[in-house]
PDB file of N, CA and C in Angstrom:
ATOM      1  N   MET A   1      13.091  29.544   2.622  1.00  0.00           N
ATOM      2  CA  MET A   1      11.999  30.267   2.024  1.00  0.00           C
ATOM      3  C   MET A   1      12.063  31.741   2.383  1.00  0.00           C
ATOM      4  N   ASN A   2      12.522  32.051   3.580  1.00  0.00           N
ATOM      5  CA  ASN A   2      12.597  33.429   4.030  1.00  0.00           C
ATOM      6  C   ASN A   2      13.378  34.308   3.041  1.00  0.00           C
ATOM      7  N   GLN A   3      14.561  33.864   2.659  1.00  0.00           N
ATOM      8  CA  GLN A   3      15.384  34.668   1.760  1.00  0.00           C
ATOM      9  C   GLN A   3      14.739  34.805   0.391  1.00  0.00           C
ATOM     10  N   ALA A   4      14.078  33.758  -0.075  1.00  0.00           N
ATOM     11  CA  ALA A   4      13.397  33.821  -1.373  1.00  0.00           C
ATOM     12  C   ALA A   4      12.280  34.861  -1.341  1.00  0.00           C
ATOM     13  N   LEU A   5      11.564  34.961  -0.242  1.00  0.00           N
ATOM     14  CA  LEU A   5      10.525  35.980  -0.122  1.00  0.00           C
ATOM     15  C   LEU A   5      11.124  37.374  -0.079  1.00  0.00           C
ATOM     16  N   VAL A   6      12.223  37.532   0.647  1.00  0.00           N
ATOM     17  CA  VAL A   6      12.918  38.829   0.696  1.00  0.00           C
ATOM     18  C   VAL A   6      13.394  39.200  -0.701  1.00  0.00           C
ATOM     19  N   ASP A   7      13.958  38.246  -1.423  1.00  0.00           N
ATOM     20  CA  ASP A   7      14.429  38.493  -2.786  1.00  0.00           C
ATOM     21  C   ASP A   7      13.284  38.899  -3.712  1.00  0.00           C
ATOM     22  N   ALA A   8      12.070  38.423  -3.410  1.00  0.00           N
ATOM     23  CA  ALA A   8      10.898  38.774  -4.213  1.00  0.00           C
ATOM     24  C   ALA A   8      10.304  40.118  -3.802  1.00  0.00           C
ATOM     25  N   GLY A   9      10.885  40.769  -2.781  1.00  0.00           N
ATOM     26  CA  GLY A   9      10.436  42.097  -2.391  1.00  0.00           C
ATOM     27  C   GLY A   9       9.545  42.152  -1.167  1.00  0.00           C
ATOM     28  N   TYR A  10       9.402  41.031  -0.473  1.00  0.00           N
ATOM     29  CA  TYR A  10       8.570  41.002   0.735  1.00  0.00           C
ATOM     30  C   TYR A  10       9.430  41.181   1.971  1.00  0.00           C
ATOM     31  N   LYS A  11       8.815  41.675   3.031  1.00  0.00           N
ATOM     32  CA  LYS A  11       9.473  41.710   4.335  1.00  0.00           C
ATOM     33  C   LYS A  11       9.109  40.396   5.009  1.00  0.00           C
ATOM     34  N   ALA A  12      10.065  39.509   5.131  1.00  0.00           N
ATOM     35  CA  ALA A  12       9.806  38.185   5.696  1.00  0.00           C
ATOM     36  C   ALA A  12      10.661  37.982   6.935  1.00  0.00           C
ATOM     37  N   ARG A  13      10.010  37.549   7.982  1.00  0.00           N
ATOM     38  CA  ARG A  13      10.711  37.308   9.247  1.00  0.00           C
ATOM     39  C   ARG A  13      10.249  35.978   9.808  1.00  0.00           C
ATOM     40  N   PRO A  14      11.131  35.002   9.881  1.00  0.00           N
ATOM     41  CA  PRO A  14      10.720  33.705  10.412  1.00  0.00           C
ATOM     42  C   PRO A  14      10.451  33.770  11.921  1.00  0.00           C
ATOM     43  N   ASN A  15       9.371  33.137  12.311  1.00  0.00           N
ATOM     44  CA  ASN A  15       9.027  32.993  13.727  1.00  0.00           C
ATOM     45  C   ASN A  15       8.896  34.307  14.482  1.00  0.00           C
ATOM     46  N   GLU A  16       8.374  35.344  13.843  1.00  0.00           N
ATOM     47  CA  GLU A  16       8.124  36.608  14.525  1.00  0.00           C
ATOM     48  C   GLU A  16       6.666  36.993  14.328  1.00  0.00           C
ATOM     49  N   PRO A  17       5.962  37.422  15.285  1.00  0.00           N
ATOM     50  CA  PRO A  17       6.405  37.700  16.645  1.00  0.00           C
ATOM     51  C   PRO A  17       6.381  36.469  17.540  1.00  0.00           C
ATOM     52  N   TRP A  18       5.942  35.313  17.043  1.00  0.00           N
ATOM     53  CA  TRP A  18       5.972  34.088  17.841  1.00  0.00           C
ATOM     54  C   TRP A  18       6.405  32.929  16.961  1.00  0.00           C
ATOM     55  N   SER A  19       6.681  31.826  17.574  1.00  0.00           N
ATOM     56  CA  SER A  19       7.138  30.640  16.862  1.00  0.00           C
ATOM     57  C   SER A  19       6.024  29.609  16.768  1.00  0.00           C
ATOM     58  N   GLY A  20       5.863  29.000  15.607  1.00  0.00           N
ATOM     59  CA  GLY A  20       4.918  27.902  15.444  1.00  0.00           C
ATOM     60  C   GLY A  20       5.318  26.692  16.263  1.00  0.00           C
ATOM     61  N   LYS A  21       6.525  26.708  16.780  1.00  0.00           N
ATOM     62  CA  LYS A  21       7.015  25.593  17.590  1.00  0.00           C
ATOM     63  C   LYS A  21       6.390  25.595  18.979  1.00  0.00           C
ATOM     64  N   GLN A  22       5.631  26.623  19.309  1.00  0.00           N
ATOM     65  CA  GLN A  22       5.027  26.735  20.639  1.00  0.00           C
ATOM     66  C   GLN A  22       3.594  26.215  20.667  1.00  0.00           C
ATOM     67  N   GLY A  23       3.241  25.378  19.715  1.00  0.00           N
ATOM     68  CA  GLY A  23       1.921  24.774  19.719  1.00  0.00           C
ATOM     69  C   GLY A  23       0.854  25.496  18.931  1.00  0.00           C
ATOM     70  N   PHE A  24       1.175  26.554  18.245  1.00  0.00           N
ATOM     71  CA  PHE A  24       0.181  27.302  17.475  1.00  0.00           C
ATOM     72  C   PHE A  24      -0.265  26.544  16.228  1.00  0.00           C
ATOM     73  N   MET A  25       0.505  25.568  15.820  1.00  0.00           N
ATOM     74  CA  MET A  25       0.195  24.834  14.596  1.00  0.00           C
ATOM     75  C   MET A  25      -0.272  23.413  14.897  1.00  0.00           C
ATOM     76  N   TYR A  26      -0.818  23.160  16.057  1.00  0.00           N
ATOM     77  CA  TYR A  26      -1.210  21.807  16.447  1.00  0.00           C
ATOM     78  C   TYR A  26      -2.102  21.155  15.395  1.00  0.00           C
ATOM     79  N   SER A  27      -3.178  21.826  15.012  1.00  0.00           N
ATOM     80  CA  SER A  27      -4.119  21.246  14.056  1.00  0.00           C
ATOM     81  C   SER A  27      -3.463  21.001  12.701  1.00  0.00           C
ATOM     82  N   ALA A  28      -2.723  21.987  12.204  1.00  0.00           N
ATOM     83  CA  ALA A  28      -2.049  21.813  10.912  1.00  0.00           C
ATOM     84  C   ALA A  28      -1.045  20.677  10.969  1.00  0.00           C
ATOM     85  N   ASP A  29      -0.286  20.609  12.040  1.00  0.00           N
ATOM     86  CA  ASP A  29       0.699  19.528  12.176  1.00  0.00           C
ATOM     87  C   ASP A  29       0.022  18.163  12.233  1.00  0.00           C
ATOM     88  N   MET A  30      -1.063  18.042  12.983  1.00  0.00           N
ATOM     89  CA  MET A  30      -1.753  16.762  13.111  1.00  0.00           C
ATOM     90  C   MET A  30      -2.334  16.301  11.773  1.00  0.00           C
ATOM     91  N   HIS A  31      -2.922  17.215  11.007  1.00  0.00           N
ATOM     92  CA  HIS A  31      -3.479  16.853   9.709  1.00  0.00           C
ATOM     93  C   HIS A  31      -2.364  16.485   8.727  1.00  0.00           C
ATOM     94  N   ALA A  32      -1.278  17.217   8.773  1.00  0.00           N
ATOM     95  CA  ALA A  32      -0.153  16.910   7.881  1.00  0.00           C
ATOM     96  C   ALA A  32       0.422  15.538   8.199  1.00  0.00           C
ATOM     97  N   LYS A  33       0.639  15.267   9.467  1.00  0.00           N
ATOM     98  CA  LYS A  33       1.192  13.962   9.863  1.00  0.00           C
ATOM     99  C   LYS A  33       0.280  12.826   9.442  1.00  0.00           C
ATOM    100  N   ALA A  34      -1.026  13.027   9.507  1.00  0.00           N
ATOM    101  CA  ALA A  34      -1.981  11.987   9.109  1.00  0.00           C
ATOM    102  C   ALA A  34      -1.862  11.647   7.633  1.00  0.00           C
ATOM    103  N   HIS A  35      -1.317  12.583   6.847  1.00  0.00           N
ATOM    104  CA  HIS A  35      -1.164  12.368   5.406  1.00  0.00           C
ATOM    105  C   HIS A  35       0.303  12.279   4.996  1.00  0.00           C
ATOM    106  N   ASN A  36       1.154  12.032   5.986  1.00  0.00           N
ATOM    107  CA  ASN A  36       2.596  11.893   5.742  1.00  0.00           C
ATOM    108  C   ASN A  36       3.147  13.117   4.993  1.00  0.00           C
ATOM    109  N   ALA A  37       2.755  14.291   5.455  1.00  0.00           N
ATOM    110  CA  ALA A  37       3.160  15.542   4.811  1.00  0.00           C
ATOM    111  C   ALA A  37       3.717  16.498   5.869  1.00  0.00           C
ATOM    112  N   GLU A  38       4.162  17.660   5.411  1.00  0.00           N
ATOM    113  CA  GLU A  38       4.649  18.702   6.305  1.00  0.00           C
ATOM    114  C   GLU A  38       3.660  19.863   6.314  1.00  0.00           C
ATOM    115  N   ALA A  39       3.592  20.555   7.427  1.00  0.00           N
ATOM    116  CA  ALA A  39       2.711  21.718   7.543  1.00  0.00           C
ATOM    117  C   ALA A  39       3.538  22.997   7.403  1.00  0.00           C
ATOM    118  N   LEU A  40       2.919  24.005   6.854  1.00  0.00           N
ATOM    119  CA  LEU A  40       3.569  25.300   6.690  1.00  0.00           C
ATOM    120  C   LEU A  40       2.574  26.367   7.094  1.00  0.00           C
ATOM    121  N   MET A  41       3.013  27.290   7.943  1.00  0.00           N
ATOM    122  CA  MET A  41       2.154  28.388   8.355  1.00  0.00           C
ATOM    123  C   MET A  41       2.747  29.689   7.820  1.00  0.00           C
ATOM    124  N   ILE A  42       1.923  30.420   7.109  1.00  0.00           N
ATOM    125  CA  ILE A  42       2.336  31.719   6.568  1.00  0.00           C
ATOM    126  C   ILE A  42       1.334  32.741   7.066  1.00  0.00           C
ATOM    127  N   GLU A  43       1.832  33.789   7.661  1.00  0.00           N
ATOM    128  CA  GLU A  43       0.962  34.855   8.140  1.00  0.00           C
ATOM    129  C   GLU A  43       1.258  36.103   7.324  1.00  0.00           C
ATOM    130  N   ALA A  44       0.203  36.749   6.882  1.00  0.00           N
ATOM    131  CA  ALA A  44       0.366  37.956   6.066  1.00  0.00           C
ATOM    132  C   ALA A  44      -0.581  39.036   6.580  1.00  0.00           C
ATOM    133  N   ARG A  45      -0.253  40.264   6.266  1.00  0.00           N
ATOM    134  CA  ARG A  45      -1.075  41.390   6.698  1.00  0.00           C
ATOM    135  C   ARG A  45      -2.454  41.327   6.050  1.00  0.00           C
ATOM    136  N   GLN A  46      -3.470  41.404   6.882  1.00  0.00           N
ATOM    137  CA  GLN A  46      -4.843  41.317   6.399  1.00  0.00           C
ATOM    138  C   GLN A  46      -5.205  42.469   5.467  1.00  0.00           C
ATOM    139  N   ASP A  47      -4.660  43.658   5.731  1.00  0.00           N
ATOM    140  CA  ASP A  47      -4.989  44.801   4.879  1.00  0.00           C
ATOM    141  C   ASP A  47      -4.450  44.615   3.468  1.00  0.00           C
ATOM    142  N   LEU A  48      -3.421  43.803   3.305  1.00  0.00           N
ATOM    143  CA  LEU A  48      -2.898  43.515   1.973  1.00  0.00           C
ATOM    144  C   LEU A  48      -3.597  42.310   1.347  1.00  0.00           C
ATOM    145  N   LEU A  49      -3.939  41.322   2.154  1.00  0.00           N
ATOM    146  CA  LEU A  49      -4.585  40.121   1.630  1.00  0.00           C
ATOM    147  C   LEU A  49      -5.946  40.395   1.005  1.00  0.00           C
ATOM    148  N   VAL A  50      -6.622  41.442   1.406  1.00  0.00           N
ATOM    149  CA  VAL A  50      -7.930  41.750   0.816  1.00  0.00           C
ATOM    150  C   VAL A  50      -7.801  42.378  -0.563  1.00  0.00           C
ATOM    151  N   GLN A  51      -6.591  42.738  -0.960  1.00  0.00           N
ATOM    152  CA  GLN A  51      -6.349  43.304  -2.280  1.00  0.00           C
ATOM    153  C   GLN A  51      -6.093  42.151  -3.265  1.00  0.00           C
ATOM    154  N   ASP A  52      -7.006  41.977  -4.220  1.00  0.00           N
ATOM    155  CA  ASP A  52      -6.922  40.850  -5.145  1.00  0.00           C
ATOM    156  C   ASP A  52      -5.573  40.747  -5.841  1.00  0.00           C
ATOM    157  N   ALA A  53      -5.055  41.860  -6.355  1.00  0.00           N
ATOM    158  CA  ALA A  53      -3.795  41.828  -7.098  1.00  0.00           C
ATOM    159  C   ALA A  53      -2.628  41.441  -6.197  1.00  0.00           C
ATOM    160  N   TRP A  54      -2.595  41.994  -4.990  1.00  0.00           N
ATOM    161  CA  TRP A  54      -1.502  41.670  -4.065  1.00  0.00           C
ATOM    162  C   TRP A  54      -1.549  40.205  -3.682  1.00  0.00           C
ATOM    163  N   ARG A  55      -2.756  39.711  -3.382  1.00  0.00           N
ATOM    164  CA  ARG A  55      -2.926  38.314  -2.986  1.00  0.00           C
ATOM    165  C   ARG A  55      -2.521  37.381  -4.125  1.00  0.00           C
ATOM    166  N   ALA A  56      -2.913  37.695  -5.344  1.00  0.00           N
ATOM    167  CA  ALA A  56      -2.546  36.859  -6.491  1.00  0.00           C
ATOM    168  C   ALA A  56      -1.030  36.840  -6.687  1.00  0.00           C
ATOM    169  N   GLN A  57      -0.394  37.987  -6.507  1.00  0.00           N
ATOM    170  CA  GLN A  57       1.062  38.063  -6.642  1.00  0.00           C
ATOM    171  C   GLN A  57       1.748  37.232  -5.564  1.00  0.00           C
ATOM    172  N   LEU A  58       1.255  37.302  -4.337  1.00  0.00           N
ATOM    173  CA  LEU A  58       1.826  36.517  -3.245  1.00  0.00           C
ATOM    174  C   LEU A  58       1.696  35.021  -3.544  1.00  0.00           C
ATOM    175  N   VAL A  59       0.531  34.597  -3.994  1.00  0.00           N
ATOM    176  CA  VAL A  59       0.313  33.182  -4.310  1.00  0.00           C
ATOM    177  C   VAL A  59       1.269  32.733  -5.410  1.00  0.00           C
ATOM    178  N   GLN A  60       1.469  33.552  -6.421  1.00  0.00           N
ATOM    179  CA  GLN A  60       2.406  33.204  -7.500  1.00  0.00           C
ATOM    180  C   GLN A  60       3.823  33.059  -6.962  1.00  0.00           C
ATOM    181  N   HIS A  61       4.244  33.989  -6.126  1.00  0.00           N
ATOM    182  CA  HIS A  61       5.594  33.912  -5.559  1.00  0.00           C
ATOM    183  C   HIS A  61       5.748  32.679  -4.672  1.00  0.00           C
ATOM    184  N   LEU A  62       4.760  32.409  -3.833  1.00  0.00           N
ATOM    185  CA  LEU A  62       4.835  31.250  -2.952  1.00  0.00           C
ATOM    186  C   LEU A  62       4.875  29.945  -3.749  1.00  0.00           C
ATOM    187  N   ALA A  63       4.061  29.855  -4.791  1.00  0.00           N
ATOM    188  CA  ALA A  63       4.042  28.650  -5.630  1.00  0.00           C
ATOM    189  C   ALA A  63       5.404  28.439  -6.286  1.00  0.00           C
ATOM    190  N   LYS A  64       5.990  29.508  -6.790  1.00  0.00           N
ATOM    191  CA  LYS A  64       7.312  29.409  -7.436  1.00  0.00           C
ATOM    192  C   LYS A  64       8.374  28.981  -6.426  1.00  0.00           C
ATOM    193  N   ILE A  65       8.356  29.567  -5.243  1.00  0.00           N
ATOM    194  CA  ILE A  65       9.334  29.256  -4.212  1.00  0.00           C
ATOM    195  C   ILE A  65       9.183  27.815  -3.746  1.00  0.00           C
ATOM    196  N   LEU A  66       7.956  27.391  -3.478  1.00  0.00           N
ATOM    197  CA  LEU A  66       7.723  26.017  -3.013  1.00  0.00           C
ATOM    198  C   LEU A  66       8.075  24.998  -4.087  1.00  0.00           C
ATOM    199  N   LYS A  67       7.727  25.292  -5.321  1.00  0.00           N
ATOM    200  CA  LYS A  67       8.081  24.377  -6.424  1.00  0.00           C
ATOM    201  C   LYS A  67       9.588  24.264  -6.555  1.00  0.00           C
ATOM    202  N   GLY A  68      10.298  25.389  -6.429  1.00  0.00           N
ATOM    203  CA  GLY A  68      11.749  25.387  -6.503  1.00  0.00           C
ATOM    204  C   GLY A  68      12.394  24.641  -5.348  1.00  0.00           C
ATOM    205  N   ALA A  69      11.660  24.543  -4.230  1.00  0.00           N
ATOM    206  CA  ALA A  69      12.167  23.817  -3.059  1.00  0.00           C
ATOM    207  C   ALA A  69      11.781  22.338  -3.100  1.00  0.00           C
ATOM    208  N   GLY A  70      11.090  21.944  -4.146  1.00  0.00           N
ATOM    209  CA  GLY A  70      10.732  20.534  -4.310  1.00  0.00           C
ATOM    210  C   GLY A  70       9.391  20.130  -3.762  1.00  0.00           C
ATOM    211  N   TYR A  71       8.524  21.110  -3.471  1.00  0.00           N
ATOM    212  CA  TYR A  71       7.194  20.790  -2.957  1.00  0.00           C
ATOM    213  C   TYR A  71       6.162  20.830  -4.044  1.00  0.00           C
TER     214      TYR A  71
END
């Protein structure tokens, strides 16, 4: 997914500045496991997320990338 986001024009860095493997996703992982699913954590800049157009564009890109990955 990282490369797909970069290709779409975003600065994407996996596991920076920390890794979700260090327990930051406990709740998401537990809920996903309860439904036989996988959890995904995406962090984005808050100053950009408050912009409706930017947020809508990000959601469109993420949906396309996830659909292309079989989700």
